[in-house]
């Protein structure tokens, strides 16, 4: 039987430029939510939230995908941001700010972050 390290990965899909957040548990079961094309050479704000049940993915302040994240408890294992351990996943570009919160931000809070940061970078 294969051995898996439960954890989370927040990357982009190299060929498509789509944002992807993936979680997997110790049994190797996984889920992912993806969307929002960001591989165009421009600045983008990307975010993902997990409220213990649902994962939401945002690009430039807009919800682009959601999926069930039930059964994926917080872990002390790796939380990869921009790094991929599978061919075709990683981050091509720069990460200017990285934040991890103790709660799932609301869609309104994500939009506020996007708006305030957009004004700094554009």
PDB file of N, CA and C in Angstrom:
ATOM      1  N   UNK A   1       0.837  -1.179   0.000  1.00  0.00           N
ATOM      2  CA  UNK A   1       0.000   0.000   0.000  1.00  0.00           C
ATOM      3  C   UNK A   1       0.883   1.244   0.000  1.00  0.00           C
ATOM      4  N   UNK A   2       0.495   2.230  -0.784  1.00  0.00           N
ATOM      5  CA  UNK A   2       1.265   3.467  -0.887  1.00  0.00           C
ATOM      6  C   UNK A   2       1.150   4.286   0.389  1.00  0.00           C
ATOM      7  N   UNK A   3       2.172   5.066   0.651  1.00  0.00           N
ATOM      8  CA  UNK A   3       2.183   5.958   1.800  1.00  0.00           C
ATOM      9  C   UNK A   3       2.055   7.390   1.301  1.00  0.00           C
ATOM     10  N   UNK A   4       1.181   8.173   1.925  1.00  0.00           N
ATOM     11  CA  UNK A   4       0.944   9.548   1.511  1.00  0.00           C
ATOM     12  C   UNK A   4       1.150  10.479   2.687  1.00  0.00           C
ATOM     13  N   UNK A   5       1.611  11.669   2.402  1.00  0.00           N
ATOM     14  CA  UNK A   5       1.697  12.720   3.402  1.00  0.00           C
ATOM     15  C   UNK A   5       0.528  13.666   3.182  1.00  0.00           C
ATOM     16  N   UNK A   6      -0.391  13.681   4.130  1.00  0.00           N
ATOM     17  CA  UNK A   6      -1.534  14.576   4.015  1.00  0.00           C
ATOM     18  C   UNK A   6      -1.037  16.003   3.980  1.00  0.00           C
ATOM     19  N   UNK A   7      -1.677  16.846   3.210  1.00  0.00           N
ATOM     20  CA  UNK A   7      -1.256  18.236   3.133  1.00  0.00           C
ATOM     21  C   UNK A   7      -2.046  19.032   2.120  1.00  0.00           C
ATOM     22  N   UNK A   8      -1.544  20.212   1.805  1.00  0.00           N
ATOM     23  CA  UNK A   8      -2.181  21.145   0.885  1.00  0.00           C
ATOM     24  C   UNK A   8      -1.149  21.663  -0.112  1.00  0.00           C
ATOM     25  N   UNK A   9      -1.603  21.978  -1.316  1.00  0.00           N
ATOM     26  CA  UNK A   9      -0.732  22.556  -2.351  1.00  0.00           C
ATOM     27  C   UNK A   9      -1.524  23.651  -3.065  1.00  0.00           C
ATOM     28  N   UNK A  10      -0.937  24.837  -3.189  1.00  0.00           N
ATOM     29  CA  UNK A  10      -1.558  25.975  -3.868  1.00  0.00           C
ATOM     30  C   UNK A  10      -0.612  26.396  -4.976  1.00  0.00           C
ATOM     31  N   UNK A  11      -0.957  26.105  -6.220  1.00  0.00           N
ATOM     32  CA  UNK A  11      -0.054  26.314  -7.349  1.00  0.00           C
ATOM     33  C   UNK A  11      -0.830  26.842  -8.557  1.00  0.00           C
ATOM     34  N   UNK A  12      -0.132  26.935  -9.664  1.00  0.00           N
ATOM     35  CA  UNK A  12      -0.794  27.128 -10.946  1.00  0.00           C
ATOM     36  C   UNK A  12      -0.458  25.934 -11.820  1.00  0.00           C
ATOM     37  N   UNK A  13      -1.339  25.648 -12.748  1.00  0.00           N
ATOM     38  CA  UNK A  13      -1.093  24.588 -13.710  1.00  0.00           C
ATOM     39  C   UNK A  13      -0.284  25.219 -14.833  1.00  0.00           C
ATOM     40  N   UNK A  14       0.930  24.754 -15.023  1.00  0.00           N
ATOM     41  CA  UNK A  14       1.888  25.406 -15.908  1.00  0.00           C
ATOM     42  C   UNK A  14       1.349  25.583 -17.328  1.00  0.00           C
ATOM     43  N   UNK A  15       0.774  24.570 -17.913  1.00  0.00           N
ATOM     44  CA  UNK A  15       0.345  24.655 -19.311  1.00  0.00           C
ATOM     45  C   UNK A  15      -0.859  25.562 -19.513  1.00  0.00           C
ATOM     46  N   UNK A  16      -1.779  25.572 -18.550  1.00  0.00           N
ATOM     47  CA  UNK A  16      -3.005  26.357 -18.728  1.00  0.00           C
ATOM     48  C   UNK A  16      -2.981  27.689 -17.994  1.00  0.00           C
ATOM     49  N   UNK A  17      -2.140  27.815 -16.959  1.00  0.00           N
ATOM     50  CA  UNK A  17      -2.109  29.024 -16.165  1.00  0.00           C
ATOM     51  C   UNK A  17      -3.237  29.118 -15.162  1.00  0.00           C
ATOM     52  N   UNK A  18      -3.967  28.030 -14.954  1.00  0.00           N
ATOM     53  CA  UNK A  18      -5.086  28.033 -14.007  1.00  0.00           C
ATOM     54  C   UNK A  18      -4.580  27.874 -12.572  1.00  0.00           C
ATOM     55  N   UNK A  19      -5.192  28.606 -11.647  1.00  0.00           N
ATOM     56  CA  UNK A  19      -4.894  28.474 -10.225  1.00  0.00           C
ATOM     57  C   UNK A  19      -5.438  27.131  -9.761  1.00  0.00           C
ATOM     58  N   UNK A  20      -4.719  26.492  -8.848  1.00  0.00           N
ATOM     59  CA  UNK A  20      -5.190  25.205  -8.346  1.00  0.00           C
ATOM     60  C   UNK A  20      -4.840  25.085  -6.867  1.00  0.00           C
ATOM     61  N   UNK A  21      -5.818  24.715  -6.068  1.00  0.00           N
ATOM     62  CA  UNK A  21      -5.537  24.330  -4.692  1.00  0.00           C
ATOM     63  C   UNK A  21      -5.936  22.876  -4.554  1.00  0.00           C
ATOM     64  N   UNK A  22      -5.066  22.112  -3.940  1.00  0.00           N
ATOM     65  CA  UNK A  22      -5.294  20.675  -3.818  1.00  0.00           C
ATOM     66  C   UNK A  22      -5.016  20.266  -2.381  1.00  0.00           C
ATOM     67  N   UNK A  23      -5.868  19.414  -1.862  1.00  0.00           N
ATOM     68  CA  UNK A  23      -5.658  18.834  -0.539  1.00  0.00           C
ATOM     69  C   UNK A  23      -5.678  17.330  -0.668  1.00  0.00           C
ATOM     70  N   UNK A  24      -4.916  16.664   0.156  1.00  0.00           N
ATOM     71  CA  UNK A  24      -4.943  15.200   0.138  1.00  0.00           C
ATOM     72  C   UNK A  24      -4.771  14.697   1.556  1.00  0.00           C
ATOM     73  N   UNK A  25      -5.341  13.515   1.806  1.00  0.00           N
ATOM     74  CA  UNK A  25      -5.279  12.952   3.150  1.00  0.00           C
ATOM     75  C   UNK A  25      -4.329  11.763   3.185  1.00  0.00           C
ATOM     76  N   UNK A  26      -4.186  11.156   4.354  1.00  0.00           N
ATOM     77  CA  UNK A  26      -3.210  10.083   4.544  1.00  0.00           C
ATOM     78  C   UNK A  26      -3.508   8.848   3.705  1.00  0.00           C
ATOM     79  N   UNK A  27      -4.745   8.704   3.226  1.00  0.00           N
ATOM     80  CA  UNK A  27      -5.095   7.560   2.386  1.00  0.00           C
ATOM     81  C   UNK A  27      -4.804   7.820   0.918  1.00  0.00           C
ATOM     82  N   UNK A  28      -4.385   9.024   0.596  1.00  0.00           N
ATOM     83  CA  UNK A  28      -4.099   9.363  -0.793  1.00  0.00           C
ATOM     84  C   UNK A  28      -5.293   9.938  -1.525  1.00  0.00           C
ATOM     85  N   UNK A  29      -6.436  10.066  -0.852  1.00  0.00           N
ATOM     86  CA  UNK A  29      -7.603  10.684  -1.482  1.00  0.00           C
ATOM     87  C   UNK A  29      -7.368  12.178  -1.577  1.00  0.00           C
ATOM     88  N   UNK A  30      -7.772  12.768  -2.665  1.00  0.00           N
ATOM     89  CA  UNK A  30      -7.551  14.192  -2.811  1.00  0.00           C
ATOM     90  C   UNK A  30      -8.744  14.892  -3.431  1.00  0.00           C
ATOM     91  N   UNK A  31      -8.724  16.187  -3.365  1.00  0.00           N
ATOM     92  CA  UNK A  31      -9.710  17.021  -4.032  1.00  0.00           C
ATOM     93  C   UNK A  31      -8.946  18.207  -4.595  1.00  0.00           C
ATOM     94  N   UNK A  32      -9.547  18.883  -5.526  1.00  0.00           N
ATOM     95  CA  UNK A  32      -8.932  20.120  -6.000  1.00  0.00           C
ATOM     96  C   UNK A  32     -10.015  21.050  -6.510  1.00  0.00           C
ATOM     97  N   UNK A  33      -9.701  22.310  -6.449  1.00  0.00           N
ATOM     98  CA  UNK A  33     -10.537  23.350  -7.041  1.00  0.00           C
ATOM     99  C   UNK A  33      -9.596  24.195  -7.878  1.00  0.00           C
ATOM    100  N   UNK A  34     -10.056  24.626  -9.017  1.00  0.00           N
ATOM    101  CA  UNK A  34      -9.169  25.373  -9.909  1.00  0.00           C
ATOM    102  C   UNK A  34      -9.950  26.350 -10.771  1.00  0.00           C
ATOM    103  N   UNK A  35      -9.242  27.284 -11.332  1.00  0.00           N
ATOM    104  CA  UNK A  35      -9.867  28.246 -12.230  1.00  0.00           C
ATOM    105  C   UNK A  35      -9.067  29.531 -12.268  1.00  0.00           C
ATOM    106  N   UNK A  36      -9.502  30.470 -13.072  1.00  0.00           N
ATOM    107  CA  UNK A  36      -8.841  31.759 -13.159  1.00  0.00           C
ATOM    108  C   UNK A  36      -7.496  31.671 -13.851  1.00  0.00           C
ATOM    109  N   UNK A  37      -7.413  32.089 -15.070  1.00  0.00           N
ATOM    110  CA  UNK A  37      -6.158  32.026 -15.817  1.00  0.00           C
ATOM    111  C   UNK A  37      -5.286  33.220 -15.450  1.00  0.00           C
ATOM    112  N   UNK A  38      -4.070  32.934 -14.976  1.00  0.00           N
ATOM    113  CA  UNK A  38      -3.198  34.004 -14.507  1.00  0.00           C
ATOM    114  C   UNK A  38      -1.818  33.986 -15.157  1.00  0.00           C
ATOM    115  N   UNK A  39      -1.629  33.229 -16.205  1.00  0.00           N
ATOM    116  CA  UNK A  39      -0.310  33.136 -16.858  1.00  0.00           C
ATOM    117  C   UNK A  39      -0.240  34.056 -18.064  1.00  0.00           C
ATOM    118  N   UNK A  40      -0.489  35.344 -17.835  1.00  0.00           N
ATOM    119  CA  UNK A  40      -0.475  36.286 -18.947  1.00  0.00           C
ATOM    120  C   UNK A  40       0.573  37.383 -18.781  1.00  0.00           C
ATOM    121  N   UNK A  41       1.473  37.217 -17.802  1.00  0.00           N
ATOM    122  CA  UNK A  41       2.527  38.192 -17.589  1.00  0.00           C
ATOM    123  C   UNK A  41       2.093  39.425 -16.815  1.00  0.00           C
ATOM    124  N   UNK A  42       0.863  39.483 -16.370  1.00  0.00           N
ATOM    125  CA  UNK A  42       0.339  40.617 -15.621  1.00  0.00           C
ATOM    126  C   UNK A  42       0.255  40.273 -14.136  1.00  0.00           C
ATOM    127  N   UNK A  43       0.106  41.295 -13.292  1.00  0.00           N
ATOM    128  CA  UNK A  43      -0.072  41.097 -11.856  1.00  0.00           C
ATOM    129  C   UNK A  43      -1.475  40.567 -11.585  1.00  0.00           C
ATOM    130  N   UNK A  44      -1.577  39.584 -10.701  1.00  0.00           N
ATOM    131  CA  UNK A  44      -2.872  39.026 -10.301  1.00  0.00           C
ATOM    132  C   UNK A  44      -2.886  38.783  -8.808  1.00  0.00           C
ATOM    133  N   UNK A  45      -4.058  38.911  -8.241  1.00  0.00           N
ATOM    134  CA  UNK A  45      -4.285  38.565  -6.841  1.00  0.00           C
ATOM    135  C   UNK A  45      -4.984  37.216  -6.846  1.00  0.00           C
ATOM    136  N   UNK A  46      -4.385  36.224  -6.210  1.00  0.00           N
ATOM    137  CA  UNK A  46      -5.011  34.902  -6.126  1.00  0.00           C
ATOM    138  C   UNK A  46      -5.186  34.543  -4.655  1.00  0.00           C
ATOM    139  N   UNK A  47      -6.273  33.854  -4.360  1.00  0.00           N
ATOM    140  CA  UNK A  47      -6.567  33.479  -2.984  1.00  0.00           C
ATOM    141  C   UNK A  47      -7.379  32.197  -2.974  1.00  0.00           C
ATOM    142  N   UNK A  48      -7.257  31.477  -1.880  1.00  0.00           N
ATOM    143  CA  UNK A  48      -8.076  30.279  -1.669  1.00  0.00           C
ATOM    144  C   UNK A  48      -8.477  30.255  -0.206  1.00  0.00           C
ATOM    145  N   UNK A  49      -9.688  29.817   0.053  1.00  0.00           N
ATOM    146  CA  UNK A  49     -10.165  29.678   1.420  1.00  0.00           C
ATOM    147  C   UNK A  49     -10.704  28.273   1.628  1.00  0.00           C
ATOM    148  N   UNK A  50     -10.681  27.825   2.855  1.00  0.00           N
ATOM    149  CA  UNK A  50     -11.260  26.532   3.243  1.00  0.00           C
ATOM    150  C   UNK A  50     -11.925  26.732   4.585  1.00  0.00           C
ATOM    151  N   UNK A  51     -13.212  26.460   4.662  1.00  0.00           N
ATOM    152  CA  UNK A  51     -13.960  26.667   5.897  1.00  0.00           C
ATOM    153  C   UNK A  51     -14.204  25.370   6.661  1.00  0.00           C
ATOM    154  N   UNK A  52     -13.475  24.324   6.284  1.00  0.00           N
ATOM    155  CA  UNK A  52     -13.658  23.015   6.906  1.00  0.00           C
ATOM    156  C   UNK A  52     -14.567  22.112   6.096  1.00  0.00           C
ATOM    157  N   UNK A  53     -15.290  22.699   5.157  1.00  0.00           N
ATOM    158  CA  UNK A  53     -16.204  21.944   4.301  1.00  0.00           C
ATOM    159  C   UNK A  53     -15.960  22.220   2.823  1.00  0.00           C
ATOM    160  N   UNK A  54     -15.820  23.495   2.468  1.00  0.00           N
ATOM    161  CA  UNK A  54     -15.721  23.902   1.073  1.00  0.00           C
ATOM    162  C   UNK A  54     -14.463  24.717   0.829  1.00  0.00           C
ATOM    163  N   UNK A  55     -13.825  24.465  -0.306  1.00  0.00           N
ATOM    164  CA  UNK A  55     -12.679  25.240  -0.755  1.00  0.00           C
ATOM    165  C   UNK A  55     -13.172  26.217  -1.816  1.00  0.00           C
ATOM    166  N   UNK A  56     -12.750  27.471  -1.703  1.00  0.00           N
ATOM    167  CA  UNK A  56     -13.083  28.497  -2.689  1.00  0.00           C
ATOM    168  C   UNK A  56     -11.784  29.038  -3.282  1.00  0.00           C
ATOM    169  N   UNK A  57     -11.758  29.241  -4.588  1.00  0.00           N
ATOM    170  CA  UNK A  57     -10.600  29.796  -5.277  1.00  0.00           C
ATOM    171  C   UNK A  57     -11.014  31.127  -5.903  1.00  0.00           C
ATOM    172  N   UNK A  58     -10.185  32.148  -5.677  1.00  0.00           N
ATOM    173  CA  UNK A  58     -10.461  33.496  -6.172  1.00  0.00           C
ATOM    174  C   UNK A  58      -9.319  33.974  -7.061  1.00  0.00           C
ATOM    175  N   UNK A  59      -9.657  34.705  -8.101  1.00  0.00           N
ATOM    176  CA  UNK A  59      -8.669  35.377  -8.950  1.00  0.00           C
ATOM    177  C   UNK A  59      -9.131  36.809  -9.129  1.00  0.00           C
ATOM    178  N   UNK A  60      -8.268  37.743  -8.780  1.00  0.00           N
ATOM    179  CA  UNK A  60      -8.557  39.165  -8.919  1.00  0.00           C
ATOM    180  C   UNK A  60      -9.883  39.545  -8.262  1.00  0.00           C
ATOM    181  N   UNK A  61     -10.105  39.018  -7.061  1.00  0.00           N
ATOM    182  CA  UNK A  61     -11.271  39.371  -6.265  1.00  0.00           C
ATOM    183  C   UNK A  61     -12.555  38.661  -6.625  1.00  0.00           C
ATOM    184  N   UNK A  62     -12.515  37.785  -7.620  1.00  0.00           N
ATOM    185  CA  UNK A  62     -13.719  37.075  -8.074  1.00  0.00           C
ATOM    186  C   UNK A  62     -13.620  35.588  -7.774  1.00  0.00           C
ATOM    187  N   UNK A  63     -14.709  34.995  -7.310  1.00  0.00           N
ATOM    188  CA  UNK A  63     -14.764  33.548  -7.102  1.00  0.00           C
ATOM    189  C   UNK A  63     -14.708  32.860  -8.457  1.00  0.00           C
ATOM    190  N   UNK A  64     -13.750  31.943  -8.646  1.00  0.00           N
ATOM    191  CA  UNK A  64     -13.624  31.255  -9.935  1.00  0.00           C
ATOM    192  C   UNK A  64     -13.931  29.764  -9.836  1.00  0.00           C
ATOM    193  N   UNK A  65     -13.894  29.192  -8.626  1.00  0.00           N
ATOM    194  CA  UNK A  65     -14.240  27.781  -8.466  1.00  0.00           C
ATOM    195  C   UNK A  65     -14.427  27.483  -6.987  1.00  0.00           C
ATOM    196  N   UNK A  66     -15.133  26.405  -6.723  1.00  0.00           N
ATOM    197  CA  UNK A  66     -15.263  25.896  -5.364  1.00  0.00           C
ATOM    198  C   UNK A  66     -15.447  24.393  -5.453  1.00  0.00           C
ATOM    199  N   UNK A  67     -15.128  23.719  -4.378  1.00  0.00           N
ATOM    200  CA  UNK A  67     -15.259  22.270  -4.353  1.00  0.00           C
ATOM    201  C   UNK A  67     -15.307  21.773  -2.924  1.00  0.00           C
ATOM    202  N   UNK A  68     -15.754  20.564  -2.763  1.00  0.00           N
ATOM    203  CA  UNK A  68     -15.855  19.984  -1.438  1.00  0.00           C
ATOM    204  C   UNK A  68     -14.476  19.702  -0.871  1.00  0.00           C
ATOM    205  N   UNK A  69     -14.239  20.183   0.326  1.00  0.00           N
ATOM    206  CA  UNK A  69     -12.998  19.920   1.036  1.00  0.00           C
ATOM    207  C   UNK A  69     -13.289  19.213   2.344  1.00  0.00           C
ATOM    208  N   UNK A  70     -14.476  18.606   2.453  1.00  0.00           N
ATOM    209  CA  UNK A  70     -14.860  17.912   3.682  1.00  0.00           C
ATOM    210  C   UNK A  70     -13.947  16.716   3.897  1.00  0.00           C
ATOM    211  N   UNK A  71     -13.573  16.476   5.124  1.00  0.00           N
ATOM    212  CA  UNK A  71     -12.745  15.325   5.446  1.00  0.00           C
ATOM    213  C   UNK A  71     -11.258  15.586   5.379  1.00  0.00           C
ATOM    214  N   UNK A  72     -10.874  16.829   5.123  1.00  0.00           N
ATOM    215  CA  UNK A  72      -9.464  17.176   5.044  1.00  0.00           C
ATOM    216  C   UNK A  72      -9.123  18.100   6.203  1.00  0.00           C
ATOM    217  N   UNK A  73      -8.746  17.506   7.302  1.00  0.00           N
ATOM    218  CA  UNK A  73      -8.460  18.270   8.518  1.00  0.00           C
ATOM    219  C   UNK A  73      -7.132  18.998   8.391  1.00  0.00           C
ATOM    220  N   UNK A  74      -6.969  20.082   9.155  1.00  0.00           N
ATOM    221  CA  UNK A  74      -5.669  20.757   9.164  1.00  0.00           C
ATOM    222  C   UNK A  74      -4.568  19.761   9.508  1.00  0.00           C
ATOM    223  N   UNK A  75      -3.396  20.006   8.997  1.00  0.00           N
ATOM    224  CA  UNK A  75      -2.300  19.069   9.144  1.00  0.00           C
ATOM    225  C   UNK A  75      -1.025  19.799   9.521  1.00  0.00           C
ATOM    226  N   UNK A  76      -0.117  19.092  10.100  1.00  0.00           N
ATOM    227  CA  UNK A  76       1.197  19.665  10.389  1.00  0.00           C
ATOM    228  C   UNK A  76       2.156  19.376   9.239  1.00  0.00           C
ATOM    229  N   UNK A  77       1.677  18.712   8.203  1.00  0.00           N
ATOM    230  CA  UNK A  77       2.517  18.431   7.041  1.00  0.00           C
ATOM    231  C   UNK A  77       2.662  19.679   6.181  1.00  0.00           C
ATOM    232  N   UNK A  78       3.380  19.554   5.108  1.00  0.00           N
ATOM    233  CA  UNK A  78       3.694  20.677   4.231  1.00  0.00           C
ATOM    234  C   UNK A  78       2.456  21.369   3.688  1.00  0.00           C
ATOM    235  N   UNK A  79       2.580  22.670   3.570  1.00  0.00           N
ATOM    236  CA  UNK A  79       1.620  23.509   2.865  1.00  0.00           C
ATOM    237  C   UNK A  79       2.438  24.181   1.772  1.00  0.00           C
ATOM    238  N   UNK A  80       2.331  23.690   0.565  1.00  0.00           N
ATOM    239  CA  UNK A  80       3.160  24.167  -0.541  1.00  0.00           C
ATOM    240  C   UNK A  80       2.478  25.337  -1.237  1.00  0.00           C
ATOM    241  N   UNK A  81       3.201  26.419  -1.415  1.00  0.00           N
ATOM    242  CA  UNK A  81       2.696  27.578  -2.142  1.00  0.00           C
ATOM    243  C   UNK A  81       3.656  27.841  -3.290  1.00  0.00           C
ATOM    244  N   UNK A  82       3.154  27.681  -4.491  1.00  0.00           N
ATOM    245  CA  UNK A  82       3.967  27.931  -5.662  1.00  0.00           C
ATOM    246  C   UNK A  82       4.863  26.775  -6.061  1.00  0.00           C
ATOM    247  N   UNK A  83       4.967  25.773  -5.216  1.00  0.00           N
ATOM    248  CA  UNK A  83       5.825  24.623  -5.499  1.00  0.00           C
ATOM    249  C   UNK A  83       4.959  23.444  -5.911  1.00  0.00           C
ATOM    250  N   UNK A  84       5.426  22.709  -6.864  1.00  0.00           N
ATOM    251  CA  UNK A  84       4.705  21.517  -7.283  1.00  0.00           C
ATOM    252  C   UNK A  84       5.604  20.311  -7.198  1.00  0.00           C
ATOM    253  N   UNK A  85       5.060  19.205  -6.735  1.00  0.00           N
ATOM    254  CA  UNK A  85       5.854  17.988  -6.686  1.00  0.00           C
ATOM    255  C   UNK A  85       5.443  17.028  -7.795  1.00  0.00           C
ATOM    256  N   UNK A  86       4.625  17.527  -8.718  1.00  0.00           N
ATOM    257  CA  UNK A  86       4.172  16.750  -9.861  1.00  0.00           C
ATOM    258  C   UNK A  86       4.468  17.578 -11.107  1.00  0.00           C
ATOM    259  N   UNK A  87       4.942  16.942 -12.154  1.00  0.00           N
ATOM    260  CA  UNK A  87       5.244  17.660 -13.397  1.00  0.00           C
ATOM    261  C   UNK A  87       4.019  18.431 -13.873  1.00  0.00           C
ATOM    262  N   UNK A  88       4.230  19.653 -14.282  1.00  0.00           N
ATOM    263  CA  UNK A  88       3.145  20.467 -14.808  1.00  0.00           C
ATOM    264  C   UNK A  88       2.500  21.380 -13.780  1.00  0.00           C
ATOM    265  N   UNK A  89       2.908  21.274 -12.506  1.00  0.00           N
ATOM    266  CA  UNK A  89       2.362  22.136 -11.466  1.00  0.00           C
ATOM    267  C   UNK A  89       3.493  22.867 -10.779  1.00  0.00           C
ATOM    268  N   UNK A  90       3.321  24.124 -10.583  1.00  0.00           N
ATOM    269  CA  UNK A  90       4.307  24.973  -9.952  1.00  0.00           C
ATOM    270  C   UNK A  90       3.870  26.398 -10.135  1.00  0.00           C
ATOM    271  N   UNK A  91       4.775  27.324 -10.013  1.00  0.00           N
ATOM    272  CA  UNK A  91       4.431  28.733 -10.170  1.00  0.00           C
ATOM    273  C   UNK A  91       5.512  29.366 -11.021  1.00  0.00           C
ATOM    274  N   UNK A  92       5.114  29.893 -12.149  1.00  0.00           N
ATOM    275  CA  UNK A  92       6.039  30.631 -12.996  1.00  0.00           C
ATOM    276  C   UNK A  92       5.741  32.106 -12.798  1.00  0.00           C
ATOM    277  N   UNK A  93       6.591  32.766 -12.071  1.00  0.00           N
ATOM    278  CA  UNK A  93       6.388  34.170 -11.753  1.00  0.00           C
ATOM    279  C   UNK A  93       6.878  34.436 -10.346  1.00  0.00           C
ATOM    280  N   UNK A  94       6.467  35.562  -9.813  1.00  0.00           N
ATOM    281  CA  UNK A  94       6.899  35.956  -8.477  1.00  0.00           C
ATOM    282  C   UNK A  94       5.694  36.051  -7.546  1.00  0.00           C
ATOM    283  N   UNK A  95       5.921  35.728  -6.295  1.00  0.00           N
ATOM    284  CA  UNK A  95       4.896  35.867  -5.270  1.00  0.00           C
ATOM    285  C   UNK A  95       5.301  37.081  -4.433  1.00  0.00           C
ATOM    286  N   UNK A  96       4.465  38.118  -4.445  1.00  0.00           N
ATOM    287  CA  UNK A  96       4.840  39.341  -3.743  1.00  0.00           C
ATOM    288  C   UNK A  96       4.427  39.322  -2.281  1.00  0.00           C
ATOM    289  N   UNK A  97       3.326  38.710  -1.969  1.00  0.00           N
ATOM    290  CA  UNK A  97       2.860  38.624  -0.582  1.00  0.00           C
ATOM    291  C   UNK A  97       2.165  37.293  -0.381  1.00  0.00           C
ATOM    292  N   UNK A  98       2.480  36.689   0.713  1.00  0.00           N
ATOM    293  CA  UNK A  98       1.847  35.413   1.052  1.00  0.00           C
ATOM    294  C   UNK A  98       1.263  35.563   2.448  1.00  0.00           C
ATOM    295  N   UNK A  99       0.014  35.159   2.591  1.00  0.00           N
ATOM    296  CA  UNK A  99      -0.651  35.251   3.892  1.00  0.00           C
ATOM    297  C   UNK A  99      -1.392  33.961   4.172  1.00  0.00           C
ATOM    298  N   UNK A 100      -1.374  33.567   5.436  1.00  0.00           N
ATOM    299  CA  UNK A 100      -2.164  32.428   5.901  1.00  0.00           C
ATOM    300  C   UNK A 100      -2.928  32.906   7.127  1.00  0.00           C
ATOM    301  N   UNK A 101      -4.229  32.731   7.119  1.00  0.00           N
ATOM    302  CA  UNK A 101      -5.088  33.179   8.209  1.00  0.00           C
ATOM    303  C   UNK A 101      -5.598  31.986   9.015  1.00  0.00           C
ATOM    304  N   UNK A 102      -6.038  32.252  10.225  1.00  0.00           N
ATOM    305  CA  UNK A 102      -6.603  31.209  11.082  1.00  0.00           C
ATOM    306  C   UNK A 102      -8.077  30.970  10.800  1.00  0.00           C
ATOM    307  N   UNK A 103      -8.645  31.718   9.890  1.00  0.00           N
ATOM    308  CA  UNK A 103     -10.061  31.576   9.545  1.00  0.00           C
ATOM    309  C   UNK A 103     -10.214  31.710   8.039  1.00  0.00           C
ATOM    310  N   UNK A 104     -11.330  31.244   7.543  1.00  0.00           N
ATOM    311  CA  UNK A 104     -11.627  31.415   6.121  1.00  0.00           C
ATOM    312  C   UNK A 104     -12.150  32.828   5.915  1.00  0.00           C
ATOM    313  N   UNK A 105     -11.477  33.601   5.073  1.00  0.00           N
ATOM    314  CA  UNK A 105     -11.948  34.943   4.766  1.00  0.00           C
ATOM    315  C   UNK A 105     -13.217  34.868   3.930  1.00  0.00           C
ATOM    316  N   UNK A 106     -14.070  35.860   4.094  1.00  0.00           N
ATOM    317  CA  UNK A 106     -15.293  35.932   3.287  1.00  0.00           C
ATOM    318  C   UNK A 106     -14.945  36.434   1.889  1.00  0.00           C
ATOM    319  N   UNK A 107     -15.867  36.271   0.963  1.00  0.00           N
ATOM    320  CA  UNK A 107     -15.671  36.778  -0.394  1.00  0.00           C
ATOM    321  C   UNK A 107     -15.465  38.291  -0.368  1.00  0.00           C
ATOM    322  N   UNK A 108     -16.171  38.983   0.522  1.00  0.00           N
ATOM    323  CA  UNK A 108     -16.028  40.431   0.644  1.00  0.00           C
ATOM    324  C   UNK A 108     -14.623  40.802   1.127  1.00  0.00           C
ATOM    325  N   UNK A 109     -14.081  40.043   2.075  1.00  0.00           N
ATOM    326  CA  UNK A 109     -12.729  40.310   2.564  1.00  0.00           C
ATOM    327  C   UNK A 109     -11.687  40.062   1.475  1.00  0.00           C
ATOM    328  N   UNK A 110     -11.885  39.018   0.681  1.00  0.00           N
ATOM    329  CA  UNK A 110     -10.972  38.739  -0.436  1.00  0.00           C
ATOM    330  C   UNK A 110     -11.008  39.894  -1.431  1.00  0.00           C
ATOM    331  N   UNK A 111     -12.200  40.373  -1.751  1.00  0.00           N
ATOM    332  CA  UNK A 111     -12.337  41.490  -2.688  1.00  0.00           C
ATOM    333  C   UNK A 111     -11.664  42.737  -2.144  1.00  0.00           C
ATOM    334  N   UNK A 112     -11.805  43.003  -0.851  1.00  0.00           N
ATOM    335  CA  UNK A 112     -11.153  44.168  -0.249  1.00  0.00           C
ATOM    336  C   UNK A 112      -9.633  44.056  -0.332  1.00  0.00           C
ATOM    337  N   UNK A 113      -9.090  42.868  -0.072  1.00  0.00           N
ATOM    338  CA  UNK A 113      -7.643  42.669  -0.191  1.00  0.00           C
ATOM    339  C   UNK A 113      -7.187  42.906  -1.627  1.00  0.00           C
ATOM    340  N   UNK A 114      -7.926  42.347  -2.573  1.00  0.00           N
ATOM    341  CA  UNK A 114      -7.581  42.521  -3.982  1.00  0.00           C
ATOM    342  C   UNK A 114      -7.568  44.004  -4.358  1.00  0.00           C
ATOM    343  N   UNK A 115      -8.621  44.722  -3.962  1.00  0.00           N
ATOM    344  CA  UNK A 115      -8.733  46.132  -4.314  1.00  0.00           C
ATOM    345  C   UNK A 115      -7.592  46.945  -3.716  1.00  0.00           C
ATOM    346  N   UNK A 116      -7.253  46.711  -2.460  1.00  0.00           N
ATOM    347  CA  UNK A 116      -6.183  47.490  -1.827  1.00  0.00           C
ATOM    348  C   UNK A 116      -4.825  47.149  -2.415  1.00  0.00           C
ATOM    349  N   UNK A 117      -4.584  45.898  -2.763  1.00  0.00           N
ATOM    350  CA  UNK A 117      -3.299  45.523  -3.335  1.00  0.00           C
ATOM    351  C   UNK A 117      -3.198  45.897  -4.804  1.00  0.00           C
ATOM    352  N   UNK A 118      -4.296  45.837  -5.519  1.00  0.00           N
ATOM    353  CA  UNK A 118      -4.298  46.223  -6.931  1.00  0.00           C
ATOM    354  C   UNK A 118      -3.824  47.663  -7.080  1.00  0.00           C
ATOM    355  N   UNK A 119      -4.289  48.521  -6.186  1.00  0.00           N
ATOM    356  CA  UNK A 119      -3.901  49.931  -6.251  1.00  0.00           C
ATOM    357  C   UNK A 119      -2.416  50.134  -6.013  1.00  0.00           C
ATOM    358  N   UNK A 120      -1.757  49.205  -5.329  1.00  0.00           N
ATOM    359  CA  UNK A 120      -0.321  49.294  -5.085  1.00  0.00           C
ATOM    360  C   UNK A 120       0.506  48.806  -6.268  1.00  0.00           C
ATOM    361  N   UNK A 121      -0.054  47.859  -7.041  1.00  0.00           N
ATOM    362  CA  UNK A 121       0.732  47.202  -8.097  1.00  0.00           C
ATOM    363  C   UNK A 121       0.378  47.642  -9.509  1.00  0.00           C
ATOM    364  N   UNK A 122      -0.769  48.218  -9.693  1.00  0.00           N
ATOM    365  CA  UNK A 122      -1.181  48.600 -11.063  1.00  0.00           C
ATOM    366  C   UNK A 122      -1.181  50.108 -11.244  1.00  0.00           C
TER     367      UNK A 122
END
